[in-house]
């Protein structure tokens, strides 16, 4: 049945691929304009839809850069309710910025300039016109935004869902052609098991380097030892002593599910689509439950629920060598 379904979708994937290639060709030959900027720009992106760990990577970069430079973060602000260019300010909400940008703003508001804009060109121009403009700009999920030529392109691909093993939409999860990865300065294989063997690592490197002519490094998800809500912090080990409901609105919740099960947690999982806007009825159904969620979902649910906690995550390189190799990409920033 799965094979038949893919055969039915094949013509649509071919048509989608032709459209994508035509678009890239128009940019490559100058039919569509490409902009460059004097301020260094770092693009965090992928060629697949969702679930590769862009938010932890953006947060990693913020932590690395904020001590020496004035950092700007520019995102599209997916599913926000505002329009055009919006600069994050003290009274900005998740509806103004979108869930992931609001998460960055809430966590790093004293250290970054954050804005959202559908046009990255306009967004960068507006940020550079500020009285104190950023000295480096992180472009969140902008690899497909061809009007801006980033100085550094970081491409993420999730372990178990490598772009070399995938198909274009709608057959698979690829939103861009794999040949575009040739524009990457580094590829990060995210969400790897901490027990990844050297032999499997070598096989993945060999597979990816057929398409990506750049360094390849490996990273995993590091889960916090505590869960949080606005006025309370509890160790994860104590929190999971009682049953709870796990609510996720992310592209791939499987690593989180596996981690919680490894910890011996007893929970019911309610899964929603990525960036899901919770309806009043759904909020009512969650009332009275003891809930654990992701940090991204927390910023959307927190205004409506009382017994709500989130488990932070961070990107962590598998080895010091991976981290060093990643750092060398920024030596001439």
Protein backbone atom coordinates (compact mmCIF):
# COMPACT_ATOMS: atom_id res chain seq x y z
CA UNK A 1 0.00 0.00 0.00
CA UNK A 2 2.83 2.41 0.91
CA UNK A 3 4.57 1.73 -2.43
CA UNK A 4 1.33 2.30 -4.37
CA UNK A 5 0.79 5.57 -2.50
CA UNK A 6 4.29 6.76 -3.46
CA UNK A 7 3.75 5.83 -7.09
CA UNK A 8 0.55 7.90 -7.14
CA UNK A 9 2.41 10.89 -5.66
CA UNK A 10 5.47 10.57 -7.92
CA UNK A 11 4.15 12.83 -10.75
CA UNK A 12 3.38 15.58 -8.23
CA UNK A 13 6.87 15.31 -6.74
CA UNK A 14 8.37 15.56 -10.23
CA UNK A 15 6.33 18.68 -11.00
CA UNK A 16 7.23 20.21 -7.64
CA UNK A 17 10.92 19.47 -8.30
CA UNK A 18 10.76 21.15 -11.72
CA UNK A 19 9.22 24.27 -10.21
CA UNK A 20 11.87 24.42 -7.47
CA UNK A 21 14.70 23.96 -9.96
CA UNK A 22 13.26 26.63 -12.26
CA UNK A 23 13.10 29.07 -9.34
CA UNK A 24 16.73 28.40 -8.41
CA UNK A 25 17.80 28.78 -12.05
CA UNK A 26 16.13 32.20 -12.21
CA UNK A 27 18.08 33.32 -9.16
CA UNK A 28 21.33 31.80 -10.42
CA UNK A 29 21.25 33.65 -13.76
CA UNK A 30 20.04 36.95 -12.31
CA UNK A 31 16.41 36.99 -13.39
CA UNK A 32 15.54 37.42 -9.70
CA UNK A 33 17.72 39.71 -7.60
CA UNK A 34 19.93 38.40 -4.82
CA UNK A 35 20.96 40.80 -2.03
CA UNK A 36 24.13 40.76 0.06
CA UNK A 37 24.76 42.84 3.17
CA UNK A 38 27.84 44.24 4.86
CA UNK A 39 26.71 42.84 8.22
CA UNK A 40 27.60 39.13 8.58
CA UNK A 41 24.54 36.91 8.17
CA UNK A 42 24.30 33.31 9.38
CA UNK A 43 21.51 31.20 7.91
CA UNK A 44 20.20 28.25 9.94
CA UNK A 45 18.18 26.07 7.61
CA UNK A 46 17.42 22.70 6.10
CA UNK A 47 16.03 21.14 2.95
CA UNK A 48 13.27 19.20 4.73
CA UNK A 49 10.08 20.34 6.43
CA UNK A 50 10.39 20.77 10.19
CA UNK A 51 11.86 18.64 12.92
CA UNK A 52 15.59 19.14 12.31
CA UNK A 53 16.36 21.19 15.42
CA UNK A 54 16.67 24.73 14.08
CA UNK A 55 15.55 26.39 17.33
CA UNK A 56 18.21 24.70 19.52
CA UNK A 57 20.82 25.64 16.91
CA UNK A 58 19.71 29.30 16.90
CA UNK A 59 19.91 29.34 20.69
CA UNK A 60 23.38 27.75 20.57
CA UNK A 61 24.57 30.48 18.20
CA UNK A 62 23.08 33.22 20.36
CA UNK A 63 24.95 31.90 23.40
CA UNK A 64 28.21 31.73 21.46
CA UNK A 65 27.96 35.18 19.86
CA UNK A 66 26.24 37.40 22.42
CA UNK A 67 29.31 37.86 24.62
CA UNK A 68 31.32 39.57 21.88
CA UNK A 69 28.81 41.00 19.37
CA UNK A 70 25.43 42.68 19.21
CA UNK A 71 23.33 39.81 17.89
CA UNK A 72 20.25 40.16 15.71
CA UNK A 73 17.82 37.32 15.10
CA UNK A 74 15.46 37.53 12.13
CA UNK A 75 12.67 35.03 11.59
CA UNK A 76 9.61 34.79 9.41
CA UNK A 77 7.40 34.44 12.48
CA UNK A 78 5.43 31.48 11.18
CA UNK A 79 1.72 31.53 12.11
CA UNK A 80 1.93 34.85 13.94
CA UNK A 81 -1.12 37.09 13.80
CA UNK A 82 0.81 40.27 12.96
CA UNK A 83 1.81 41.47 9.49
CA UNK A 84 4.96 42.90 7.96
CA UNK A 85 8.06 43.84 9.94
CA UNK A 86 7.72 43.58 13.72
CA UNK A 87 10.53 44.44 16.12
CA UNK A 88 10.30 42.60 19.44
CA UNK A 89 9.74 44.94 22.40
CA UNK A 90 8.89 44.62 26.06
CA UNK A 91 5.16 44.15 25.46
CA UNK A 92 5.50 41.79 22.47
CA UNK A 93 3.44 38.59 22.62
CA UNK A 94 3.56 35.19 21.00
CA UNK A 95 0.83 36.39 18.63
CA UNK A 96 3.05 39.28 17.49
CA UNK A 97 6.16 37.19 16.90
CA UNK A 98 5.18 33.53 16.49
CA UNK A 99 6.07 30.77 18.93
CA UNK A 100 9.75 30.13 18.18
CA UNK A 101 10.79 33.81 17.87
CA UNK A 102 8.87 34.59 21.06
CA UNK A 103 10.74 31.75 22.77
CA UNK A 104 14.06 33.32 21.70
CA UNK A 105 12.89 36.76 22.84
CA UNK A 106 11.64 35.57 26.21
CA UNK A 107 14.92 33.78 26.91
CA UNK A 108 17.45 36.26 25.46
CA UNK A 109 15.67 39.64 25.38
CA UNK A 110 18.55 41.35 27.23
CA UNK A 111 21.11 40.04 24.75
CA UNK A 112 19.57 40.19 21.27
CA UNK A 113 17.68 42.34 18.79
CA UNK A 114 14.85 40.20 17.46
CA UNK A 115 12.51 40.88 14.57
CA UNK A 116 10.11 38.98 12.34
CA UNK A 117 9.38 39.72 8.71
CA UNK A 118 8.13 37.71 5.75
CA UNK A 119 10.77 39.39 3.56
CA UNK A 120 14.25 38.76 4.94
CA UNK A 121 15.59 41.60 2.75
CA UNK A 122 13.19 44.11 4.26
CA UNK A 123 13.79 42.65 7.72
CA UNK A 124 17.57 43.06 7.49
CA UNK A 125 17.25 46.59 6.09
CA UNK A 126 14.92 47.59 8.93
CA UNK A 127 17.24 46.10 11.55
CA UNK A 128 20.27 47.87 10.10
CA UNK A 129 18.38 51.17 10.23
CA UNK A 130 18.01 50.94 14.01
CA UNK A 131 19.97 53.41 16.19
CA UNK A 132 22.08 50.49 17.44
CA UNK A 133 21.95 47.92 14.64
CA UNK A 134 23.09 44.32 15.07
CA UNK A 135 26.69 43.43 14.29
CA UNK A 136 25.74 39.92 13.17
CA UNK A 137 22.33 38.58 12.13
CA UNK A 138 21.12 35.01 12.55
CA UNK A 139 18.55 34.14 9.88
CA UNK A 140 16.17 31.55 11.29
CA UNK A 141 14.93 29.06 8.66
CA UNK A 142 16.01 31.12 5.65
CA UNK A 143 17.84 28.67 3.37
CA UNK A 144 14.95 28.68 0.88
CA UNK A 145 14.78 32.51 1.00
CA UNK A 146 16.97 33.10 -2.06
CA UNK A 147 16.69 36.94 -2.16
CA UNK A 148 19.31 37.02 0.64
CA UNK A 149 22.76 35.50 0.14
CA UNK A 150 23.95 34.60 3.62
CA UNK A 151 27.63 34.70 4.47
CA UNK A 152 27.40 31.34 6.26
CA UNK A 153 24.86 28.57 5.61
CA UNK A 154 24.35 25.96 8.33
CA UNK A 155 22.27 23.04 7.07
CA UNK A 156 20.65 20.65 9.54
CA UNK A 157 19.52 17.11 8.86
CA UNK A 158 18.03 14.87 11.53
CA UNK A 159 19.50 11.47 12.34
CA UNK A 160 17.10 8.85 10.99
CA UNK A 161 15.71 11.33 8.42
CA UNK A 162 18.79 12.21 6.37
CA UNK A 163 18.08 14.31 3.30
CA UNK A 164 19.88 11.73 1.15
CA UNK A 165 17.25 9.13 2.09
CA UNK A 166 14.24 11.32 1.42
CA UNK A 167 11.98 12.40 -1.45
CA UNK A 168 10.60 15.73 -2.55
CA UNK A 169 7.14 16.76 -1.41
CA UNK A 170 4.54 15.32 -1.47
CA UNK A 171 6.25 11.90 -1.71
CA UNK A 172 8.61 12.74 1.11
CA UNK A 173 9.63 15.56 3.42
CA UNK A 174 12.03 17.48 1.18
CA UNK A 175 10.96 21.04 0.37
CA UNK A 176 14.10 21.73 -1.65
CA UNK A 177 16.31 19.81 -4.05
CA UNK A 178 19.25 18.02 -2.44
CA UNK A 179 21.71 19.69 -4.84
CA UNK A 180 21.17 22.93 -2.93
CA UNK A 181 23.15 21.47 -0.03
CA UNK A 182 26.26 22.23 -2.11
CA UNK A 183 25.80 25.83 -0.89
CA UNK A 184 26.24 24.75 2.74
CA UNK A 185 29.31 25.78 4.74
CA UNK A 186 28.67 23.00 7.23
CA UNK A 187 26.11 20.21 7.70
CA UNK A 188 25.01 19.25 11.22
CA UNK A 189 23.44 15.83 11.78
CA UNK A 190 21.12 16.59 14.67
CA UNK A 191 19.25 14.44 17.22
CA UNK A 192 21.86 11.70 17.14
CA UNK A 193 21.92 9.03 19.86
CA UNK A 194 24.73 9.66 22.32
CA UNK A 195 25.83 6.07 21.65
CA UNK A 196 26.41 6.66 17.92
CA UNK A 197 29.23 4.33 16.89
CA UNK A 198 32.24 5.43 14.87
CA UNK A 199 31.35 2.97 12.11
CA UNK A 200 27.80 4.36 11.72
CA UNK A 201 29.15 7.88 11.89
CA UNK A 202 31.57 7.11 9.05
CA UNK A 203 28.78 5.61 6.94
CA UNK A 204 26.62 8.74 7.42
CA UNK A 205 29.54 11.05 6.58
CA UNK A 206 30.28 9.09 3.40
CA UNK A 207 26.61 9.17 2.40
CA UNK A 208 26.16 12.91 2.99
CA UNK A 209 29.45 13.96 1.41
CA UNK A 210 28.21 12.73 -1.95
CA UNK A 211 25.94 15.80 -1.92
CA UNK A 212 27.52 18.13 0.65
CA UNK A 213 31.07 19.25 -0.13
CA UNK A 214 31.71 20.69 3.33
CA UNK A 215 32.47 19.57 6.91
CA UNK A 216 29.89 17.30 8.55
CA UNK A 217 29.47 17.26 12.33
CA UNK A 218 27.18 15.44 14.73
CA UNK A 219 24.99 16.73 17.57
CA UNK A 220 22.41 15.42 20.00
CA UNK A 221 19.59 16.78 22.15
CA UNK A 222 20.49 17.57 25.76
CA UNK A 223 17.44 17.57 28.03
CA UNK A 224 17.39 19.76 31.12
CA UNK A 225 17.34 18.07 34.50
CA UNK A 226 14.51 20.36 35.61
CA UNK A 227 11.05 21.30 34.40
CA UNK A 228 9.80 24.87 34.67
CA UNK A 229 6.76 27.07 34.83
CA UNK A 230 6.48 30.78 35.52
CA UNK A 231 6.81 30.62 39.31
CA UNK A 232 8.12 27.11 39.97
CA UNK A 233 11.00 24.78 39.18
CA UNK A 234 10.95 21.02 39.83
CA UNK A 235 13.55 18.37 39.09
CA UNK A 236 12.45 16.15 36.24
CA UNK A 237 13.02 13.06 38.41
CA UNK A 238 10.51 14.37 40.96
CA UNK A 239 8.02 15.59 38.36
CA UNK A 240 7.70 12.19 36.67
CA UNK A 241 6.93 10.42 39.96
CA UNK A 242 3.28 11.25 39.23
CA UNK A 243 1.42 10.57 35.95
CA UNK A 244 1.06 13.52 33.59
CA UNK A 245 -0.12 14.48 30.13
CA UNK A 246 2.50 15.30 27.51
CA UNK A 247 1.26 17.87 24.97
CA UNK A 248 3.34 18.46 21.83
CA UNK A 249 2.83 20.68 18.82
CA UNK A 250 6.16 19.98 17.14
CA UNK A 251 7.16 18.28 13.90
CA UNK A 252 8.84 15.23 15.45
CA UNK A 253 8.08 14.42 19.10
CA UNK A 254 9.59 10.90 18.95
CA UNK A 255 12.95 11.75 20.57
CA UNK A 256 11.14 13.40 23.50
CA UNK A 257 8.80 10.41 23.88
CA UNK A 258 11.74 8.02 23.86
CA UNK A 259 13.63 10.08 26.44
CA UNK A 260 10.71 10.29 28.85
CA UNK A 261 10.07 6.56 28.54
CA UNK A 262 13.74 5.91 29.29
CA UNK A 263 13.28 7.93 32.49
CA UNK A 264 10.39 5.67 33.48
CA UNK A 265 7.71 8.36 33.11
CA UNK A 266 4.01 7.45 33.11
CA UNK A 267 2.21 9.77 30.72
CA UNK A 268 -0.49 10.17 28.10
CA UNK A 269 0.67 11.85 24.90
CA UNK A 270 -1.54 14.33 23.04
CA UNK A 271 0.09 15.16 19.71
CA UNK A 272 -0.79 18.21 17.62
CA UNK A 273 0.61 19.56 14.36
CA UNK A 274 3.73 21.73 14.35
CA UNK A 275 3.00 25.35 15.42
CA UNK A 276 -0.58 24.33 16.26
CA UNK A 277 -2.89 27.13 17.42
CA UNK A 278 -4.92 25.62 20.25
CA UNK A 279 -8.64 26.24 20.03
CA UNK A 280 -10.82 27.20 22.98
CA UNK A 281 -12.31 23.71 22.99
CA UNK A 282 -8.86 22.10 23.07
CA UNK A 283 -7.81 24.41 25.91
CA UNK A 284 -10.93 23.45 27.86
CA UNK A 285 -10.11 19.76 27.38
CA UNK A 286 -6.65 20.37 28.84
CA UNK A 287 -7.95 22.25 31.88
CA UNK A 288 -7.30 20.43 35.16
CA UNK A 289 -4.60 18.17 33.72
CA UNK A 290 -1.04 18.05 34.96
CA UNK A 291 0.78 18.89 31.74
CA UNK A 292 4.35 18.75 30.49
CA UNK A 293 5.09 20.35 27.14
CA UNK A 294 7.93 21.69 25.03
CA UNK A 295 9.30 25.19 25.49
CA UNK A 296 7.88 26.20 22.10
CA UNK A 297 4.40 24.96 22.99
CA UNK A 298 4.61 26.47 26.46
CA UNK A 299 4.65 30.04 25.16
CA UNK A 300 1.31 29.38 23.42
CA UNK A 301 -0.36 27.43 26.22
CA UNK A 302 0.90 29.29 29.29
CA UNK A 303 -1.65 32.14 29.21
CA UNK A 304 -4.49 29.60 29.33
CA UNK A 305 -3.41 26.78 31.68
CA UNK A 306 -2.33 26.64 35.32
CA UNK A 307 -0.68 23.26 35.94
CA UNK A 308 1.65 23.56 32.95
CA UNK A 309 5.40 22.84 32.85
CA UNK A 310 7.98 22.71 30.09
CA UNK A 311 11.20 20.75 29.64
CA UNK A 312 13.97 22.82 28.02
CA UNK A 313 16.33 21.27 25.50
CA UNK A 314 19.66 22.36 24.06
CA UNK A 315 21.80 21.30 21.14
CA UNK A 316 25.00 19.58 22.20
CA UNK A 317 27.78 18.36 19.92
CA UNK A 318 28.65 14.70 20.29
CA UNK A 319 32.39 15.28 20.66
CA UNK A 320 34.77 18.19 21.31
CA UNK A 321 36.08 17.63 17.78
CA UNK A 322 32.58 18.21 16.36
CA UNK A 323 32.29 21.44 18.32
CA UNK A 324 35.75 22.61 17.25
CA UNK A 325 35.05 21.85 13.59
CA UNK A 326 31.79 23.78 13.82
CA UNK A 327 33.59 26.73 15.39
CA UNK A 328 36.16 26.96 12.60
CA UNK A 329 33.39 27.93 10.16
CA UNK A 330 33.04 31.24 12.02
CA UNK A 331 36.72 32.16 12.24
CA UNK A 332 36.44 34.72 9.44
CA UNK A 333 32.98 36.01 10.33
